[in-house]
Amino acid sequence: MSSAASAHAVKKAPSLFQTWFRVEVIPIYAVLGVAVGGAGWYTTRLARGPDVTWDRKNNPHPWLHIDQETQLKMMTVKE
């Protein structure tokens, strides 16, 4: 009887996923993860843009070295 009771207790024990996350909170975590990832990506994209000056001594005007054919916009509509 003892082994049956322990087997029943093992079946009732919640998994690690159920302990940390409730089912109704998972979409909130997913949306927040996507939002934080997108914000990080966009901040990195802005910081690496061709018009950003990180070194004023060696390259004070980086926007003067942009080629005519370089696409600077994220998306171009009807070229």
N, C-alpha and C. Protein backbone atom coordinates (compact mmCIF):
# COMPACT_ATOMS: atom_id res chain seq x y z
N MET A 1 0.82 -1.19 0.00
CA MET A 1 0.00 0.00 0.00
C MET A 1 0.86 1.25 0.00
N SER A 2 2.00 1.15 0.59
CA SER A 2 2.91 2.28 0.66
C SER A 2 3.43 2.65 -0.73
N SER A 3 3.74 1.64 -1.53
CA SER A 3 4.25 1.93 -2.87
C SER A 3 3.16 2.54 -3.76
N ALA A 4 1.92 2.13 -3.56
CA ALA A 4 0.82 2.71 -4.33
C ALA A 4 0.60 4.17 -3.95
N ALA A 5 0.74 4.47 -2.68
CA ALA A 5 0.56 5.85 -2.22
C ALA A 5 1.67 6.74 -2.75
N SER A 6 2.90 6.22 -2.78
CA SER A 6 4.00 7.03 -3.30
C SER A 6 3.87 7.22 -4.82
N ALA A 7 3.37 6.21 -5.52
CA ALA A 7 3.15 6.34 -6.95
C ALA A 7 2.07 7.38 -7.23
N HIS A 8 1.04 7.40 -6.40
CA HIS A 8 -0.02 8.40 -6.55
C HIS A 8 0.51 9.80 -6.26
N ALA A 9 1.40 9.94 -5.30
CA ALA A 9 1.99 11.24 -4.97
C ALA A 9 2.88 11.74 -6.10
N VAL A 10 3.58 10.83 -6.75
CA VAL A 10 4.45 11.22 -7.87
C VAL A 10 3.60 11.71 -9.03
N LYS A 11 2.47 11.08 -9.28
CA LYS A 11 1.60 11.51 -10.37
C LYS A 11 1.00 12.89 -10.09
N LYS A 12 0.73 13.20 -8.83
CA LYS A 12 0.12 14.48 -8.49
C LYS A 12 1.13 15.62 -8.41
N ALA A 13 2.42 15.33 -8.31
CA ALA A 13 3.42 16.38 -8.17
C ALA A 13 3.47 17.21 -9.46
N PRO A 14 3.41 18.54 -9.35
CA PRO A 14 3.45 19.38 -10.55
C PRO A 14 4.85 19.39 -11.16
N SER A 15 4.88 19.53 -12.45
CA SER A 15 6.16 19.59 -13.13
C SER A 15 6.80 20.95 -12.90
N LEU A 16 8.05 21.09 -13.30
CA LEU A 16 8.76 22.35 -13.14
C LEU A 16 8.09 23.47 -13.93
N PHE A 17 7.60 23.14 -15.13
CA PHE A 17 6.93 24.14 -15.97
C PHE A 17 5.65 24.63 -15.31
N GLN A 18 4.89 23.71 -14.71
CA GLN A 18 3.65 24.10 -14.05
C GLN A 18 3.91 24.88 -12.77
N THR A 19 5.04 24.63 -12.14
CA THR A 19 5.36 25.34 -10.91
C THR A 19 5.74 26.79 -11.21
N TRP A 20 6.46 27.05 -12.27
CA TRP A 20 6.95 28.39 -12.57
C TRP A 20 5.94 29.22 -13.35
N PHE A 21 5.19 28.61 -14.24
CA PHE A 21 4.30 29.36 -15.12
C PHE A 21 2.87 28.85 -14.97
N ARG A 22 1.96 29.77 -14.81
CA ARG A 22 0.55 29.41 -14.91
C ARG A 22 0.18 29.52 -16.39
N VAL A 23 -0.78 28.75 -16.79
CA VAL A 23 -1.15 28.69 -18.21
C VAL A 23 -1.60 30.05 -18.73
N GLU A 24 -2.32 30.79 -17.93
CA GLU A 24 -2.85 32.07 -18.40
C GLU A 24 -1.80 33.17 -18.47
N VAL A 25 -0.61 32.95 -17.93
CA VAL A 25 0.44 33.97 -17.93
C VAL A 25 1.42 33.77 -19.09
N ILE A 26 1.42 32.62 -19.70
CA ILE A 26 2.37 32.31 -20.78
C ILE A 26 2.25 33.28 -21.96
N PRO A 27 1.05 33.66 -22.43
CA PRO A 27 0.98 34.64 -23.52
C PRO A 27 1.56 36.01 -23.15
N ILE A 28 1.40 36.40 -21.89
CA ILE A 28 1.97 37.68 -21.45
C ILE A 28 3.49 37.62 -21.52
N TYR A 29 4.07 36.52 -21.05
CA TYR A 29 5.52 36.36 -21.13
C TYR A 29 5.99 36.34 -22.58
N ALA A 30 5.23 35.71 -23.45
CA ALA A 30 5.62 35.64 -24.87
C ALA A 30 5.58 37.03 -25.50
N VAL A 31 4.53 37.80 -25.24
CA VAL A 31 4.43 39.15 -25.81
C VAL A 31 5.53 40.05 -25.26
N LEU A 32 5.79 39.97 -23.96
CA LEU A 32 6.86 40.77 -23.37
C LEU A 32 8.22 40.38 -23.94
N GLY A 33 8.45 39.09 -24.14
CA GLY A 33 9.72 38.64 -24.72
C GLY A 33 9.92 39.18 -26.13
N VAL A 34 8.87 39.12 -26.94
CA VAL A 34 8.95 39.64 -28.31
C VAL A 34 9.15 41.15 -28.29
N ALA A 35 8.47 41.86 -27.39
CA ALA A 35 8.60 43.32 -27.31
C ALA A 35 10.00 43.73 -26.88
N VAL A 36 10.56 43.06 -25.88
CA VAL A 36 11.91 43.39 -25.42
C VAL A 36 12.94 43.05 -26.50
N GLY A 37 12.76 41.91 -27.17
CA GLY A 37 13.66 41.55 -28.26
C GLY A 37 13.60 42.55 -29.41
N GLY A 38 12.39 42.97 -29.78
CA GLY A 38 12.23 43.95 -30.85
C GLY A 38 12.82 45.31 -30.48
N ALA A 39 12.64 45.71 -29.23
CA ALA A 39 13.21 46.99 -28.79
C ALA A 39 14.73 46.93 -28.79
N GLY A 40 15.29 45.80 -28.39
CA GLY A 40 16.74 45.65 -28.43
C GLY A 40 17.28 45.66 -29.85
N TRP A 41 16.57 44.99 -30.75
CA TRP A 41 16.99 44.96 -32.15
C TRP A 41 16.94 46.37 -32.74
N TYR A 42 15.87 47.10 -32.48
CA TYR A 42 15.71 48.44 -33.06
C TYR A 42 16.74 49.41 -32.48
N THR A 43 17.03 49.30 -31.19
CA THR A 43 18.06 50.15 -30.59
C THR A 43 19.42 49.86 -31.20
N THR A 44 19.73 48.59 -31.42
CA THR A 44 20.99 48.22 -32.07
C THR A 44 21.03 48.74 -33.49
N ARG A 45 19.91 48.66 -34.20
CA ARG A 45 19.86 49.15 -35.58
C ARG A 45 20.09 50.66 -35.63
N LEU A 46 19.49 51.39 -34.70
CA LEU A 46 19.70 52.83 -34.65
C LEU A 46 21.14 53.19 -34.30
N ALA A 47 21.73 52.44 -33.39
CA ALA A 47 23.10 52.75 -32.96
C ALA A 47 24.13 52.45 -34.04
N ARG A 48 23.81 51.52 -34.94
CA ARG A 48 24.76 51.16 -35.99
C ARG A 48 24.48 51.86 -37.31
N GLY A 49 23.59 52.84 -37.31
CA GLY A 49 23.23 53.57 -38.52
C GLY A 49 24.40 54.35 -39.08
N PRO A 50 24.34 54.69 -40.38
CA PRO A 50 25.45 55.39 -41.03
C PRO A 50 25.59 56.85 -40.61
N ASP A 51 24.59 57.41 -39.97
CA ASP A 51 24.67 58.81 -39.57
C ASP A 51 25.01 59.00 -38.09
N VAL A 52 25.38 57.93 -37.41
CA VAL A 52 25.72 57.99 -35.99
C VAL A 52 27.23 58.14 -35.83
N THR A 53 27.63 59.09 -35.01
CA THR A 53 29.05 59.33 -34.76
C THR A 53 29.43 58.73 -33.41
N TRP A 54 30.32 57.73 -33.42
CA TRP A 54 30.84 57.15 -32.19
C TRP A 54 32.23 57.66 -31.89
N ASP A 55 32.97 58.03 -32.94
CA ASP A 55 34.35 58.48 -32.79
C ASP A 55 34.49 59.82 -33.50
N ARG A 56 34.44 60.90 -32.77
CA ARG A 56 34.49 62.23 -33.38
C ARG A 56 35.87 62.58 -33.92
N LYS A 57 36.89 61.97 -33.38
CA LYS A 57 38.25 62.33 -33.79
C LYS A 57 38.60 61.74 -35.16
N ASN A 58 38.31 60.46 -35.38
CA ASN A 58 38.70 59.81 -36.63
C ASN A 58 37.65 59.94 -37.74
N ASN A 59 36.38 60.06 -37.38
CA ASN A 59 35.32 60.14 -38.38
C ASN A 59 34.25 61.13 -37.90
N PRO A 60 34.52 62.42 -37.99
CA PRO A 60 33.58 63.40 -37.43
C PRO A 60 32.27 63.54 -38.22
N HIS A 61 32.29 63.23 -39.51
CA HIS A 61 31.09 63.37 -40.34
C HIS A 61 30.85 62.07 -41.11
N PRO A 62 30.29 61.04 -40.49
CA PRO A 62 30.13 59.75 -41.17
C PRO A 62 29.11 59.79 -42.30
N TRP A 63 28.17 60.72 -42.27
CA TRP A 63 27.15 60.78 -43.31
C TRP A 63 27.69 61.25 -44.65
N LEU A 64 28.92 61.78 -44.69
CA LEU A 64 29.51 62.20 -45.95
C LEU A 64 30.07 61.01 -46.76
N HIS A 65 30.23 59.86 -46.12
CA HIS A 65 30.82 58.69 -46.77
C HIS A 65 29.77 57.67 -47.20
N ILE A 66 28.52 58.06 -47.30
CA ILE A 66 27.46 57.14 -47.71
C ILE A 66 27.35 57.16 -49.23
N ASP A 67 27.35 55.98 -49.85
CA ASP A 67 27.22 55.88 -51.31
C ASP A 67 25.81 56.25 -51.74
N GLN A 68 25.68 56.63 -53.00
CA GLN A 68 24.38 57.02 -53.55
C GLN A 68 23.42 55.83 -53.61
N GLU A 69 23.94 54.63 -53.81
CA GLU A 69 23.12 53.44 -53.98
C GLU A 69 22.72 52.78 -52.66
N THR A 70 23.24 53.24 -51.55
CA THR A 70 22.98 52.61 -50.26
C THR A 70 21.55 52.89 -49.81
N GLN A 71 20.84 51.82 -49.43
CA GLN A 71 19.48 51.97 -48.93
C GLN A 71 19.54 52.20 -47.42
N LEU A 72 19.06 53.32 -46.96
CA LEU A 72 19.11 53.67 -45.55
C LEU A 72 17.79 53.40 -44.83
N LYS A 73 16.71 53.33 -45.57
CA LYS A 73 15.41 53.10 -44.97
C LYS A 73 15.23 51.62 -44.65
N MET A 74 14.37 51.35 -43.67
CA MET A 74 14.09 49.97 -43.32
C MET A 74 13.30 49.28 -44.43
N MET A 75 12.37 50.04 -45.08
CA MET A 75 11.56 49.48 -46.14
C MET A 75 11.32 50.57 -47.18
N THR A 76 11.47 50.22 -48.45
CA THR A 76 11.25 51.16 -49.53
C THR A 76 9.99 50.77 -50.29
N VAL A 77 9.12 51.74 -50.53
CA VAL A 77 7.88 51.49 -51.25
C VAL A 77 7.93 52.23 -52.57
N LYS A 78 7.68 51.51 -53.68
CA LYS A 78 7.63 52.08 -55.04
C LYS A 78 8.87 52.89 -55.38
N GLU A 79 9.91 52.20 -55.66
CA GLU A 79 11.16 52.89 -56.04
C GLU A 79 11.03 53.59 -57.35
